Amino acid sequence: MSLVLPPVTARRGATSLDEIQVINMACQDVVIPDLAELGKPKVFSYLEGVYPHLFKGLGVAGQSAQYSYRFYAQTGNYLAIDDMGTIFMLGSFTNNAVATLGTG
C-alpha cells in the first residue's frame, strides 16, 4: 500500500515557508505493510511513528459506524481506518477536509 499525504499550503499563523517545505519533504510516499496482516491498532502505531509531527501525543481512540479513529489534540488531526482498509485524515494538516491517504 502507498500512503500519500496532501501537500501543505500556507495557512494563517504559519511562521515560515521553510516549515511548510520541511513537512512536504517529510510526507513523501511511504510503503506500509498490508493492513490485513497488521490490524488497525498497529497501522495507527506505524503511522504515528512515521509521521510524529502529524500524529503527536496520545491519540484518543474512538469508533463511529465503520470507522476506527484516533484524534490527536496536540496537532488537531484525526486518523481513521474504515472496515475496507481505507485510511483517512481530517484536521489542521488537511485544512479540515477529509483526505484519503491510502487503501489496503
N, C-alpha and C. Protein backbone atom coordinates (compact mmCIF):
# COMPACT_ATOMS: atom_id res chain seq x y z
N MET A 1 0.84 -1.15 0.00
CA MET A 1 0.00 0.00 0.00
C MET A 1 0.90 1.23 0.00
N SER A 2 0.43 2.27 -0.62
CA SER A 2 1.15 3.53 -0.64
C SER A 2 0.33 4.58 0.07
N LEU A 3 0.94 5.30 0.94
CA LEU A 3 0.27 6.36 1.69
C LEU A 3 0.69 7.69 1.09
N VAL A 4 -0.27 8.50 0.69
CA VAL A 4 0.05 9.78 0.06
C VAL A 4 -0.64 10.89 0.84
N LEU A 5 0.14 11.75 1.47
CA LEU A 5 -0.42 12.87 2.19
C LEU A 5 -0.49 14.09 1.28
N PRO A 6 -1.54 14.87 1.40
CA PRO A 6 -1.67 16.05 0.54
C PRO A 6 -0.60 17.07 0.87
N PRO A 7 -0.20 17.89 -0.11
CA PRO A 7 0.81 18.91 0.18
C PRO A 7 0.28 19.96 1.15
N VAL A 8 1.15 20.49 1.95
CA VAL A 8 0.78 21.54 2.91
C VAL A 8 0.78 22.87 2.19
N THR A 9 -0.23 23.68 2.47
CA THR A 9 -0.25 25.04 1.94
C THR A 9 -0.15 26.01 3.11
N ALA A 10 0.34 27.20 2.82
CA ALA A 10 0.49 28.20 3.88
C ALA A 10 -0.88 28.49 4.48
N ARG A 11 -0.95 28.56 5.78
CA ARG A 11 -2.20 28.88 6.46
C ARG A 11 -1.94 30.01 7.43
N ARG A 12 -3.01 30.61 7.86
CA ARG A 12 -2.88 31.71 8.80
C ARG A 12 -2.08 31.27 10.02
N GLY A 13 -1.11 32.07 10.41
CA GLY A 13 -0.30 31.77 11.57
C GLY A 13 0.95 30.98 11.26
N ALA A 14 1.13 30.56 10.01
CA ALA A 14 2.36 29.84 9.66
C ALA A 14 3.53 30.79 9.81
N THR A 15 4.58 30.31 10.47
CA THR A 15 5.70 31.20 10.78
C THR A 15 6.69 31.33 9.65
N SER A 16 6.80 30.30 8.82
CA SER A 16 7.74 30.42 7.71
C SER A 16 7.46 29.39 6.65
N LEU A 17 7.84 29.71 5.43
CA LEU A 17 7.69 28.74 4.35
C LEU A 17 8.65 27.58 4.53
N ASP A 18 9.76 27.80 5.25
CA ASP A 18 10.70 26.72 5.50
C ASP A 18 10.03 25.57 6.24
N GLU A 19 9.20 25.89 7.21
CA GLU A 19 8.48 24.85 7.97
C GLU A 19 7.58 24.04 7.03
N ILE A 20 6.88 24.71 6.15
CA ILE A 20 5.99 24.04 5.21
C ILE A 20 6.79 23.15 4.27
N GLN A 21 7.93 23.63 3.79
CA GLN A 21 8.75 22.84 2.89
C GLN A 21 9.28 21.59 3.59
N VAL A 22 9.66 21.71 4.84
CA VAL A 22 10.16 20.55 5.59
C VAL A 22 9.07 19.51 5.74
N ILE A 23 7.85 19.93 6.06
CA ILE A 23 6.74 18.99 6.21
C ILE A 23 6.45 18.31 4.88
N ASN A 24 6.42 19.10 3.79
CA ASN A 24 6.16 18.50 2.48
C ASN A 24 7.22 17.47 2.12
N MET A 25 8.48 17.76 2.41
CA MET A 25 9.56 16.82 2.10
C MET A 25 9.42 15.55 2.93
N ALA A 26 8.96 15.67 4.17
CA ALA A 26 8.83 14.52 5.06
C ALA A 26 7.64 13.64 4.69
N CYS A 27 6.70 14.17 3.95
CA CYS A 27 5.45 13.46 3.66
C CYS A 27 5.42 12.91 2.25
N GLN A 28 6.49 12.27 1.84
CA GLN A 28 6.51 11.62 0.55
C GLN A 28 5.90 10.23 0.71
N ASP A 29 5.63 9.58 -0.41
CA ASP A 29 5.01 8.25 -0.36
C ASP A 29 5.76 7.33 0.59
N VAL A 30 5.04 6.65 1.42
CA VAL A 30 5.61 5.68 2.35
C VAL A 30 4.91 4.36 2.11
N VAL A 31 5.65 3.32 1.88
CA VAL A 31 5.06 1.99 1.68
C VAL A 31 4.90 1.34 3.05
N ILE A 32 3.68 0.92 3.34
CA ILE A 32 3.43 0.26 4.62
C ILE A 32 2.96 -1.16 4.36
N PRO A 33 3.15 -2.04 5.32
CA PRO A 33 2.73 -3.43 5.15
C PRO A 33 1.21 -3.54 4.98
N ASP A 34 0.75 -4.68 4.52
CA ASP A 34 -0.65 -4.94 4.29
C ASP A 34 -1.45 -4.76 5.58
N LEU A 35 -2.53 -3.99 5.49
CA LEU A 35 -3.38 -3.71 6.65
C LEU A 35 -3.94 -4.99 7.26
N ALA A 36 -4.34 -5.93 6.41
CA ALA A 36 -4.92 -7.17 6.92
C ALA A 36 -3.93 -7.94 7.79
N GLU A 37 -2.66 -7.84 7.47
CA GLU A 37 -1.64 -8.53 8.25
C GLU A 37 -1.35 -7.81 9.57
N LEU A 38 -1.39 -6.49 9.55
CA LEU A 38 -1.06 -5.71 10.74
C LEU A 38 -2.22 -5.57 11.72
N GLY A 39 -3.39 -5.28 11.23
CA GLY A 39 -4.51 -4.93 12.07
C GLY A 39 -4.50 -3.43 12.34
N LYS A 40 -5.66 -2.87 12.59
CA LYS A 40 -5.80 -1.41 12.72
C LYS A 40 -4.92 -0.80 13.82
N PRO A 41 -4.86 -1.36 15.03
CA PRO A 41 -4.03 -0.73 16.06
C PRO A 41 -2.57 -0.58 15.65
N LYS A 42 -2.04 -1.59 14.96
CA LYS A 42 -0.63 -1.50 14.53
C LYS A 42 -0.45 -0.50 13.40
N VAL A 43 -1.46 -0.34 12.54
CA VAL A 43 -1.38 0.66 11.48
C VAL A 43 -1.35 2.06 12.10
N PHE A 44 -2.22 2.29 13.09
CA PHE A 44 -2.19 3.58 13.79
C PHE A 44 -0.80 3.82 14.38
N SER A 45 -0.26 2.83 15.07
CA SER A 45 1.06 2.99 15.70
C SER A 45 2.14 3.23 14.66
N TYR A 46 2.06 2.52 13.55
CA TYR A 46 3.05 2.69 12.49
C TYR A 46 3.03 4.12 11.96
N LEU A 47 1.83 4.62 11.65
CA LEU A 47 1.72 5.97 11.10
C LEU A 47 2.13 7.04 12.12
N GLU A 48 1.84 6.81 13.38
CA GLU A 48 2.31 7.73 14.43
C GLU A 48 3.83 7.79 14.45
N GLY A 49 4.48 6.67 14.22
CA GLY A 49 5.94 6.64 14.21
C GLY A 49 6.53 7.28 12.97
N VAL A 50 5.89 7.08 11.82
CA VAL A 50 6.40 7.63 10.57
C VAL A 50 6.14 9.14 10.48
N TYR A 51 5.00 9.58 10.98
CA TYR A 51 4.62 11.00 10.90
C TYR A 51 4.37 11.59 12.29
N PRO A 52 5.38 11.63 13.14
CA PRO A 52 5.16 12.12 14.51
C PRO A 52 4.75 13.59 14.56
N HIS A 53 5.09 14.36 13.55
CA HIS A 53 4.71 15.78 13.52
C HIS A 53 3.22 15.96 13.20
N LEU A 54 2.57 14.93 12.67
CA LEU A 54 1.14 14.99 12.36
C LEU A 54 0.29 14.32 13.42
N PHE A 55 0.82 13.27 14.03
CA PHE A 55 0.07 12.48 15.00
C PHE A 55 0.83 12.45 16.32
N LYS A 56 0.91 13.63 16.93
CA LYS A 56 1.71 13.83 18.14
C LYS A 56 0.87 13.59 19.39
N GLY A 57 1.49 12.97 20.37
CA GLY A 57 0.82 12.75 21.64
C GLY A 57 -0.03 11.49 21.60
N LEU A 58 -0.74 11.29 22.69
CA LEU A 58 -1.60 10.12 22.81
C LEU A 58 -2.89 10.36 22.04
N GLY A 59 -3.13 9.56 21.01
CA GLY A 59 -4.36 9.69 20.24
C GLY A 59 -5.53 9.11 21.02
N VAL A 60 -6.63 9.85 21.06
CA VAL A 60 -7.83 9.37 21.73
C VAL A 60 -8.60 8.50 20.73
N ALA A 61 -8.77 7.23 21.06
CA ALA A 61 -9.39 6.27 20.15
C ALA A 61 -10.90 6.34 20.23
N GLY A 62 -11.53 6.05 19.09
CA GLY A 62 -12.98 6.00 19.03
C GLY A 62 -13.44 5.16 17.86
N GLN A 63 -14.75 4.95 17.82
CA GLN A 63 -15.38 4.19 16.74
C GLN A 63 -16.65 4.92 16.35
N SER A 64 -16.85 5.13 15.05
CA SER A 64 -18.06 5.74 14.54
C SER A 64 -18.45 5.00 13.26
N ALA A 65 -19.59 4.32 13.31
CA ALA A 65 -20.04 3.49 12.19
C ALA A 65 -18.91 2.54 11.78
N GLN A 66 -18.48 2.58 10.52
CA GLN A 66 -17.44 1.66 10.05
C GLN A 66 -16.03 2.19 10.25
N TYR A 67 -15.87 3.31 10.94
CA TYR A 67 -14.56 3.95 11.10
C TYR A 67 -13.98 3.76 12.50
N SER A 68 -12.75 3.26 12.55
CA SER A 68 -11.96 3.32 13.78
C SER A 68 -11.08 4.54 13.63
N TYR A 69 -10.99 5.36 14.67
CA TYR A 69 -10.22 6.59 14.52
C TYR A 69 -9.43 6.91 15.78
N ARG A 70 -8.49 7.81 15.61
CA ARG A 70 -7.77 8.42 16.73
C ARG A 70 -7.72 9.91 16.48
N PHE A 71 -7.91 10.68 17.56
CA PHE A 71 -7.81 12.13 17.50
C PHE A 71 -6.58 12.56 18.27
N TYR A 72 -5.77 13.41 17.64
CA TYR A 72 -4.52 13.89 18.24
C TYR A 72 -4.69 15.37 18.57
N ALA A 73 -5.02 15.66 19.82
CA ALA A 73 -5.33 17.03 20.24
C ALA A 73 -4.16 17.99 20.03
N GLN A 74 -2.92 17.50 20.17
CA GLN A 74 -1.76 18.40 20.03
C GLN A 74 -1.63 18.94 18.61
N THR A 75 -2.11 18.22 17.62
CA THR A 75 -2.00 18.67 16.23
C THR A 75 -3.35 18.98 15.60
N GLY A 76 -4.44 18.59 16.27
CA GLY A 76 -5.77 18.82 15.72
C GLY A 76 -6.10 17.91 14.55
N ASN A 77 -5.43 16.77 14.45
CA ASN A 77 -5.66 15.86 13.33
C ASN A 77 -6.36 14.58 13.78
N TYR A 78 -7.21 14.07 12.89
CA TYR A 78 -7.84 12.76 13.05
C TYR A 78 -7.20 11.81 12.06
N LEU A 79 -7.05 10.56 12.45
CA LEU A 79 -6.60 9.50 11.58
C LEU A 79 -7.66 8.41 11.70
N ALA A 80 -8.19 7.93 10.56
CA ALA A 80 -9.27 6.94 10.60
C ALA A 80 -9.01 5.83 9.59
N ILE A 81 -9.50 4.65 9.92
CA ILE A 81 -9.43 3.49 9.03
C ILE A 81 -10.82 2.88 8.98
N ASP A 82 -11.35 2.69 7.77
CA ASP A 82 -12.67 2.07 7.68
C ASP A 82 -12.54 0.55 7.60
N ASP A 83 -13.69 -0.12 7.58
CA ASP A 83 -13.69 -1.59 7.58
C ASP A 83 -13.13 -2.19 6.30
N MET A 84 -13.02 -1.39 5.23
CA MET A 84 -12.45 -1.87 3.97
C MET A 84 -10.94 -1.65 3.90
N GLY A 85 -10.37 -0.98 4.93
CA GLY A 85 -8.94 -0.76 4.98
C GLY A 85 -8.49 0.57 4.39
N THR A 86 -9.42 1.46 4.09
CA THR A 86 -9.05 2.77 3.58
C THR A 86 -8.67 3.67 4.75
N ILE A 87 -7.58 4.40 4.57
CA ILE A 87 -7.06 5.28 5.62
C ILE A 87 -7.41 6.72 5.26
N PHE A 88 -7.96 7.44 6.23
CA PHE A 88 -8.38 8.83 6.04
C PHE A 88 -7.70 9.73 7.07
N MET A 89 -7.64 11.00 6.72
CA MET A 89 -7.13 12.02 7.64
C MET A 89 -8.03 13.24 7.55
N LEU A 90 -8.23 13.89 8.68
CA LEU A 90 -9.02 15.11 8.75
C LEU A 90 -8.39 15.98 9.82
N GLY A 91 -8.25 17.27 9.57
CA GLY A 91 -7.75 18.16 10.60
C GLY A 91 -6.97 19.31 10.06
N SER A 92 -6.14 19.87 10.90
CA SER A 92 -5.39 21.08 10.55
C SER A 92 -4.48 20.86 9.34
N PHE A 93 -3.90 19.68 9.21
CA PHE A 93 -2.98 19.41 8.11
C PHE A 93 -3.71 19.39 6.77
N THR A 94 -4.97 18.96 6.76
CA THR A 94 -5.74 18.87 5.52
C THR A 94 -6.71 20.04 5.37
N ASN A 95 -6.47 21.10 6.12
CA ASN A 95 -7.38 22.26 6.11
C ASN A 95 -8.81 21.84 6.40
N ASN A 96 -8.96 20.90 7.33
CA ASN A 96 -10.24 20.39 7.79
C ASN A 96 -11.11 19.78 6.69
N ALA A 97 -10.46 19.24 5.67
CA ALA A 97 -11.15 18.49 4.63
C ALA A 97 -10.75 17.03 4.76
N VAL A 98 -11.68 16.12 4.55
CA VAL A 98 -11.35 14.70 4.62
C VAL A 98 -10.45 14.35 3.44
N ALA A 99 -9.32 13.71 3.72
CA ALA A 99 -8.38 13.29 2.68
C ALA A 99 -8.19 11.78 2.78
N THR A 100 -8.26 11.11 1.66
CA THR A 100 -7.99 9.67 1.60
C THR A 100 -6.49 9.50 1.44
N LEU A 101 -5.87 8.79 2.36
CA LEU A 101 -4.42 8.63 2.36
C LEU A 101 -3.95 7.37 1.66
N GLY A 102 -4.76 6.35 1.67
CA GLY A 102 -4.36 5.09 1.06
C GLY A 102 -5.42 4.04 1.27
N THR A 103 -5.26 2.92 0.60
CA THR A 103 -6.20 1.81 0.74
C THR A 103 -5.43 0.52 0.94
N GLY A 104 -6.06 -0.39 1.63
CA GLY A 104 -5.43 -1.66 1.91
C GLY A 104 -5.65 -2.67 0.83
